């Protein structure tokens, strides 16, 4: 199984250059059956990353461009009258895919945002009393522009918790940028990507995550982190129970991605910024994690 994960990371890395850590975090989120928020400037490779993940895993993929006039029905679908059958037929919207890229989610109205977030939570859609299950796996990768950009609708803090993890891609390394400047054709590379694992193998990996061992002392460490965020005045709100569960689950998934069946303190610290910063109201600036840095510095490991 470890070989499958590494092969997937390596293949995505041929398209998303110099971002192995972010690729690992995205796969960590997928293995946890969570949803991912990528917050960054336009043109950083968010779309390329999501498409490469879908291609590498052989999953169906849809991209939805969020705009101010987007309606909930544009996402979930609509009932249309079929004259031949003399009845209404449901036409599925773009949310009916295994990987959905919700591009620039903060450019749409709260009503459209709520429709997406509800589908993420329920993993099913209800239209006029009929419920339609969404495909499995169902992985939403939402992108968001920095809030200081004009024309954006700030996602409420209460809704940010719906995203299992938040990551930033940031600017490319000098080596990666040089390849891009020399004509690195990501479109052609995307089309050449072949699936690295079957959907059954992906499902098996997702089921392995809860089985990764975490010793008592490391559970104590996670609890100390949770308590620290609730008791320290520098944090607006402490981690919720759901946030604490997400931290432990992400650490287990990261350990699995790293090829281990047990959690180390490094695993907890590796996923900490991506799991807790957006839940604690941390900065949206790339690679700037003051809250996580404070936690790692001040909370004793053992």
Protein backbone atom coordinates (compact mmCIF):
# COMPACT_ATOMS: atom_id res chain seq x y z
CA UNK A 1 0.00 0.00 0.00
CA UNK A 2 2.87 2.36 0.80
CA UNK A 3 4.23 1.84 -2.71
CA UNK A 4 0.87 2.86 -4.19
CA UNK A 5 0.84 6.09 -2.19
CA UNK A 6 4.42 7.00 -3.09
CA UNK A 7 3.82 6.22 -6.75
CA UNK A 8 0.80 8.55 -6.69
CA UNK A 9 2.79 11.32 -4.99
CA UNK A 10 5.61 10.99 -7.51
CA UNK A 11 3.27 11.07 -10.49
CA UNK A 12 1.37 14.15 -9.28
CA UNK A 13 4.78 15.73 -8.63
CA UNK A 14 5.64 15.52 -12.34
CA UNK A 15 2.87 18.06 -12.97
CA UNK A 16 2.77 20.05 -9.71
CA UNK A 17 6.46 20.89 -9.45
CA UNK A 18 8.26 21.39 -6.15
CA UNK A 19 5.16 20.91 -3.98
CA UNK A 20 5.60 17.43 -2.52
CA UNK A 21 4.50 18.50 0.95
CA UNK A 22 1.26 20.02 -0.36
CA UNK A 23 0.60 16.91 -2.46
CA UNK A 24 1.05 14.74 0.65
CA UNK A 25 -1.30 16.96 2.64
CA UNK A 26 -3.96 16.76 -0.08
CA UNK A 27 -3.73 12.96 -0.15
CA UNK A 28 -3.78 12.90 3.65
CA UNK A 29 -7.07 14.79 3.52
CA UNK A 30 -8.51 12.44 0.90
CA UNK A 31 -7.55 9.34 2.91
CA UNK A 32 -9.37 10.88 5.90
CA UNK A 33 -12.48 11.31 3.71
CA UNK A 34 -12.40 15.02 4.45
CA UNK A 35 -12.59 18.05 2.17
CA UNK A 36 -9.77 20.43 1.30
CA UNK A 37 -9.60 24.22 1.11
CA UNK A 38 -6.74 25.74 -0.88
CA UNK A 39 -6.30 29.45 -0.22
CA UNK A 40 -3.92 31.26 -2.53
CA UNK A 41 -3.52 33.80 -5.29
CA UNK A 42 -4.73 32.94 -8.82
CA UNK A 43 -2.29 31.08 -11.05
CA UNK A 44 -0.53 29.07 -8.34
CA UNK A 45 -1.53 25.62 -9.65
CA UNK A 46 -4.66 24.88 -7.61
CA UNK A 47 -6.59 23.58 -10.62
CA UNK A 48 -3.62 21.56 -11.83
CA UNK A 49 -3.24 19.87 -8.44
CA UNK A 50 -6.90 18.85 -8.22
CA UNK A 51 -6.98 17.56 -11.80
CA UNK A 52 -3.72 15.62 -11.30
CA UNK A 53 -5.11 13.92 -8.19
CA UNK A 54 -8.23 12.85 -10.08
CA UNK A 55 -6.19 11.56 -13.02
CA UNK A 56 -3.73 9.68 -10.80
CA UNK A 57 -6.54 7.91 -8.96
CA UNK A 58 -8.80 7.30 -11.95
CA UNK A 59 -11.68 9.28 -10.43
CA UNK A 60 -14.38 11.31 -12.16
CA UNK A 61 -13.71 15.05 -12.02
CA UNK A 62 -15.72 18.24 -12.40
CA UNK A 63 -14.65 21.85 -12.06
CA UNK A 64 -17.18 24.47 -11.00
CA UNK A 65 -16.33 28.14 -11.42
CA UNK A 66 -18.06 30.01 -8.61
CA UNK A 67 -19.44 33.43 -9.57
CA UNK A 68 -21.80 35.94 -7.99
CA UNK A 69 -24.74 34.75 -10.14
CA UNK A 70 -24.28 31.02 -9.43
CA UNK A 71 -27.47 29.36 -8.15
CA UNK A 72 -27.76 26.27 -5.92
CA UNK A 73 -29.51 24.47 -8.80
CA UNK A 74 -26.43 25.10 -10.96
CA UNK A 75 -24.54 22.89 -8.50
CA UNK A 76 -26.95 20.15 -7.50
CA UNK A 77 -29.08 19.79 -10.63
CA UNK A 78 -32.71 20.33 -11.54
CA UNK A 79 -35.93 18.50 -12.40
CA UNK A 80 -36.96 19.04 -16.02
CA UNK A 81 -40.18 17.92 -17.66
CA UNK A 82 -39.71 15.10 -20.18
CA UNK A 83 -42.45 15.40 -22.81
CA UNK A 84 -41.86 11.89 -24.13
CA UNK A 85 -42.34 10.32 -20.70
CA UNK A 86 -44.82 12.95 -19.47
CA UNK A 87 -42.91 13.22 -16.20
CA UNK A 88 -40.16 15.19 -14.53
CA UNK A 89 -36.63 13.80 -14.83
CA UNK A 90 -33.74 14.80 -12.58
CA UNK A 91 -30.69 16.13 -14.40
CA UNK A 92 -27.63 15.87 -12.18
CA UNK A 93 -25.46 18.92 -11.56
CA UNK A 94 -21.65 19.04 -11.54
CA UNK A 95 -21.49 18.03 -7.86
CA UNK A 96 -22.07 14.46 -9.02
CA UNK A 97 -18.40 13.62 -9.44
CA UNK A 98 -15.87 11.89 -7.22
CA UNK A 99 -13.53 14.88 -7.15
CA UNK A 100 -15.08 18.33 -7.43
CA UNK A 101 -13.02 21.48 -7.78
CA UNK A 102 -15.05 24.38 -6.39
CA UNK A 103 -13.00 27.20 -7.86
CA UNK A 104 -12.99 30.62 -6.14
CA UNK A 105 -15.72 29.67 -3.69
CA UNK A 106 -15.64 33.10 -2.08
CA UNK A 107 -16.79 34.78 -5.30
CA UNK A 108 -20.26 33.22 -4.99
CA UNK A 109 -23.15 34.26 -2.76
CA UNK A 110 -23.73 32.66 0.66
CA UNK A 111 -26.70 30.75 -0.79
CA UNK A 112 -24.52 28.92 -3.34
CA UNK A 113 -21.81 28.39 -0.73
CA UNK A 114 -24.37 26.81 1.61
CA UNK A 115 -25.54 24.39 -1.09
CA UNK A 116 -21.96 23.19 -1.56
CA UNK A 117 -21.24 22.93 2.16
CA UNK A 118 -24.45 20.98 2.77
CA UNK A 119 -23.51 18.48 0.05
CA UNK A 120 -20.04 18.15 1.59
CA UNK A 121 -21.53 17.40 5.00
CA UNK A 122 -24.38 15.10 3.97
CA UNK A 123 -22.70 13.44 0.95
CA UNK A 124 -26.12 13.40 -0.66
CA UNK A 125 -28.48 15.85 -2.33
CA UNK A 126 -32.22 16.29 -1.83
CA UNK A 127 -34.36 17.78 -4.59
CA UNK A 128 -38.12 18.13 -4.14
CA UNK A 129 -38.30 15.35 -1.57
CA UNK A 130 -36.07 12.87 -3.39
CA UNK A 131 -32.58 12.07 -2.09
CA UNK A 132 -29.71 11.30 -4.45
CA UNK A 133 -26.45 9.88 -3.01
CA UNK A 134 -23.23 11.47 -4.23
CA UNK A 135 -20.47 9.24 -5.68
CA UNK A 136 -17.90 7.55 -3.48
CA UNK A 137 -15.31 8.69 -2.79
CA UNK A 138 -16.59 12.28 -2.71
CA UNK A 139 -13.76 14.77 -2.32
CA UNK A 140 -14.31 18.52 -2.64
CA UNK A 141 -11.29 20.72 -3.25
CA UNK A 142 -12.42 24.32 -2.82
CA UNK A 143 -10.19 27.25 -3.71
CA UNK A 144 -10.44 30.68 -2.19
CA UNK A 145 -8.74 33.94 -3.03
CA UNK A 146 -7.21 36.00 -0.23
CA UNK A 147 -10.00 37.99 1.39
CA UNK A 148 -8.33 41.32 0.66
CA UNK A 149 -9.08 40.81 -3.04
CA UNK A 150 -12.15 42.67 -4.31
CA UNK A 151 -15.40 40.94 -5.23
CA UNK A 152 -15.24 38.23 -2.58
CA UNK A 153 -17.81 36.95 -0.08
CA UNK A 154 -16.03 36.00 3.12
CA UNK A 155 -16.74 32.41 4.14
CA UNK A 156 -18.11 32.50 7.72
CA UNK A 157 -15.81 31.12 10.41
CA UNK A 158 -18.49 28.59 11.37
CA UNK A 159 -18.36 27.20 7.82
CA UNK A 160 -14.57 27.01 7.68
CA UNK A 161 -14.76 24.08 10.10
CA UNK A 162 -16.49 22.04 7.36
CA UNK A 163 -13.12 21.82 5.61
CA UNK A 164 -10.98 19.10 7.11
CA UNK A 165 -7.77 20.87 6.07
CA UNK A 166 -6.61 24.15 4.56
CA UNK A 167 -3.36 24.44 2.62
CA UNK A 168 -1.44 27.01 0.59
CA UNK A 169 0.61 26.25 -2.50
CA UNK A 170 2.70 29.41 -2.54
CA UNK A 171 5.18 30.47 -5.18
CA UNK A 172 7.21 27.78 -6.97
CA UNK A 173 10.79 27.02 -6.05
CA UNK A 174 13.46 28.59 -8.31
CA UNK A 175 14.08 25.17 -9.90
CA UNK A 176 10.38 24.58 -10.57
CA UNK A 177 9.91 28.10 -11.90
CA UNK A 178 12.81 27.63 -14.30
CA UNK A 179 11.14 24.51 -15.72
CA UNK A 180 7.92 26.47 -16.14
CA UNK A 181 9.73 29.29 -17.91
CA UNK A 182 11.43 26.79 -20.21
CA UNK A 183 8.06 25.57 -21.41
CA UNK A 184 6.99 22.85 -18.99
CA UNK A 185 3.67 21.81 -20.63
CA UNK A 186 1.43 20.85 -17.72
CA UNK A 187 -1.60 20.28 -19.96
CA UNK A 188 0.19 17.59 -21.97
CA UNK A 189 1.53 15.98 -18.81
CA UNK A 190 -1.94 15.92 -17.25
CA UNK A 191 -3.32 14.10 -20.26
CA UNK A 192 -0.54 11.50 -20.04
CA UNK A 193 -1.19 10.63 -16.38
CA UNK A 194 -2.43 7.09 -15.81
CA UNK A 195 -4.17 5.82 -12.64
CA UNK A 196 -1.71 4.61 -9.98
CA UNK A 197 -4.27 2.69 -7.95
CA UNK A 198 -7.78 1.31 -8.29
CA UNK A 199 -10.79 2.71 -6.47
CA UNK A 200 -10.87 -0.48 -4.40
CA UNK A 201 -7.26 0.11 -3.31
CA UNK A 202 -8.07 3.72 -2.42
CA UNK A 203 -11.04 2.55 -0.35
CA UNK A 204 -8.80 0.03 1.44
CA UNK A 205 -6.32 2.79 2.29
CA UNK A 206 -9.11 4.95 3.70
CA UNK A 207 -10.17 2.06 5.92
CA UNK A 208 -6.58 1.63 7.15
CA UNK A 209 -6.37 5.16 8.60
CA UNK A 210 -8.34 4.46 11.83
CA UNK A 211 -6.19 1.36 12.39
CA UNK A 212 -2.94 3.36 12.60
CA UNK A 213 -1.77 3.11 16.21
CA UNK A 214 -1.45 6.12 18.50
CA UNK A 215 0.03 5.49 21.96
CA UNK A 216 -1.32 6.89 25.21
CA UNK A 217 1.43 9.54 25.59
CA UNK A 218 0.69 10.87 22.09
CA UNK A 219 -3.03 10.99 22.84
CA UNK A 220 -2.08 13.03 25.92
CA UNK A 221 -0.09 15.35 23.63
CA UNK A 222 -3.14 15.87 21.39
CA UNK A 223 -5.27 16.61 24.45
CA UNK A 224 -2.73 19.12 25.75
CA UNK A 225 -2.86 20.88 22.36
CA UNK A 226 -6.67 21.03 22.50
CA UNK A 227 -6.64 22.36 26.09
CA UNK A 228 -3.95 24.91 25.25
CA UNK A 229 -6.09 26.45 22.49
CA UNK A 230 -9.06 26.72 24.84
CA UNK A 231 -7.22 28.20 27.81
CA UNK A 232 -4.83 30.62 26.11
CA UNK A 233 -6.18 34.16 25.73
CA UNK A 234 -4.37 34.64 22.42
CA UNK A 235 -6.81 32.26 20.73
CA UNK A 236 -10.20 33.72 19.88
CA UNK A 237 -11.87 30.31 20.14
CA UNK A 238 -10.39 26.99 21.17
CA UNK A 239 -10.45 23.83 19.09
CA UNK A 240 -13.84 22.14 19.04
CA UNK A 241 -14.15 18.40 19.72
CA UNK A 242 -14.50 17.94 15.95
CA UNK A 243 -11.26 19.85 15.45
CA UNK A 244 -9.46 17.62 17.96
CA UNK A 245 -10.74 14.47 16.26
CA UNK A 246 -9.62 15.88 12.90
CA UNK A 247 -6.11 16.53 14.24
CA UNK A 248 -5.68 12.95 15.45
CA UNK A 249 -7.17 11.44 12.30
CA UNK A 250 -4.97 13.62 10.07
CA UNK A 251 -1.87 12.58 12.04
CA UNK A 252 -2.77 8.91 11.50
CA UNK A 253 -3.29 9.50 7.79
CA UNK A 254 0.00 11.40 7.47
CA UNK A 255 1.79 8.50 9.20
CA UNK A 256 0.25 6.13 6.64
CA UNK A 257 1.35 8.39 3.77
CA UNK A 258 4.85 8.32 5.28
CA UNK A 259 4.78 4.51 5.28
CA UNK A 260 4.19 3.85 8.98
CA UNK A 261 1.48 2.10 10.99
CA UNK A 262 2.02 4.21 14.11
CA UNK A 263 1.90 7.93 14.90
CA UNK A 264 4.97 9.96 15.88
CA UNK A 265 5.01 13.47 17.40
CA UNK A 266 6.34 14.71 14.05
CA UNK A 267 3.13 13.51 12.36
CA UNK A 268 0.97 15.59 14.68
CA UNK A 269 3.15 18.65 14.15
CA UNK A 270 3.28 18.11 10.38
CA UNK A 271 -0.50 18.33 9.95
CA UNK A 272 -1.16 20.83 12.76
CA UNK A 273 -1.11 24.05 10.65
CA UNK A 274 -3.37 22.59 7.95
CA UNK A 275 -5.89 21.24 10.45
CA UNK A 276 -6.09 23.96 13.11
CA UNK A 277 -5.17 27.36 11.63
CA UNK A 278 -8.47 27.91 9.80
CA UNK A 279 -10.41 26.61 12.79
CA UNK A 280 -8.69 29.07 15.12
CA UNK A 281 -9.04 32.08 12.81
CA UNK A 282 -5.39 32.03 11.77
CA UNK A 283 -3.85 34.11 9.01
CA UNK A 284 -4.71 33.24 5.41
CA UNK A 285 -1.25 34.30 4.25
CA UNK A 286 0.80 31.56 2.63
CA UNK A 287 3.29 29.77 4.89
CA UNK A 288 2.44 32.06 7.82
CA UNK A 289 1.23 29.96 10.76
CA UNK A 290 1.64 31.99 13.97
CA UNK A 291 -0.92 30.02 15.99
CA UNK A 292 0.51 26.62 15.10
CA UNK A 293 4.04 27.87 15.75
CA UNK A 294 2.99 28.99 19.22
CA UNK A 295 1.36 25.61 19.94
CA UNK A 296 4.40 23.62 18.79
CA UNK A 297 6.76 25.87 20.76
CA UNK A 298 4.83 25.96 24.05
CA UNK A 299 3.01 22.63 24.37
CA UNK A 300 5.19 19.83 25.73
CA UNK A 301 5.34 16.73 23.56
CA UNK A 302 5.86 14.07 26.24
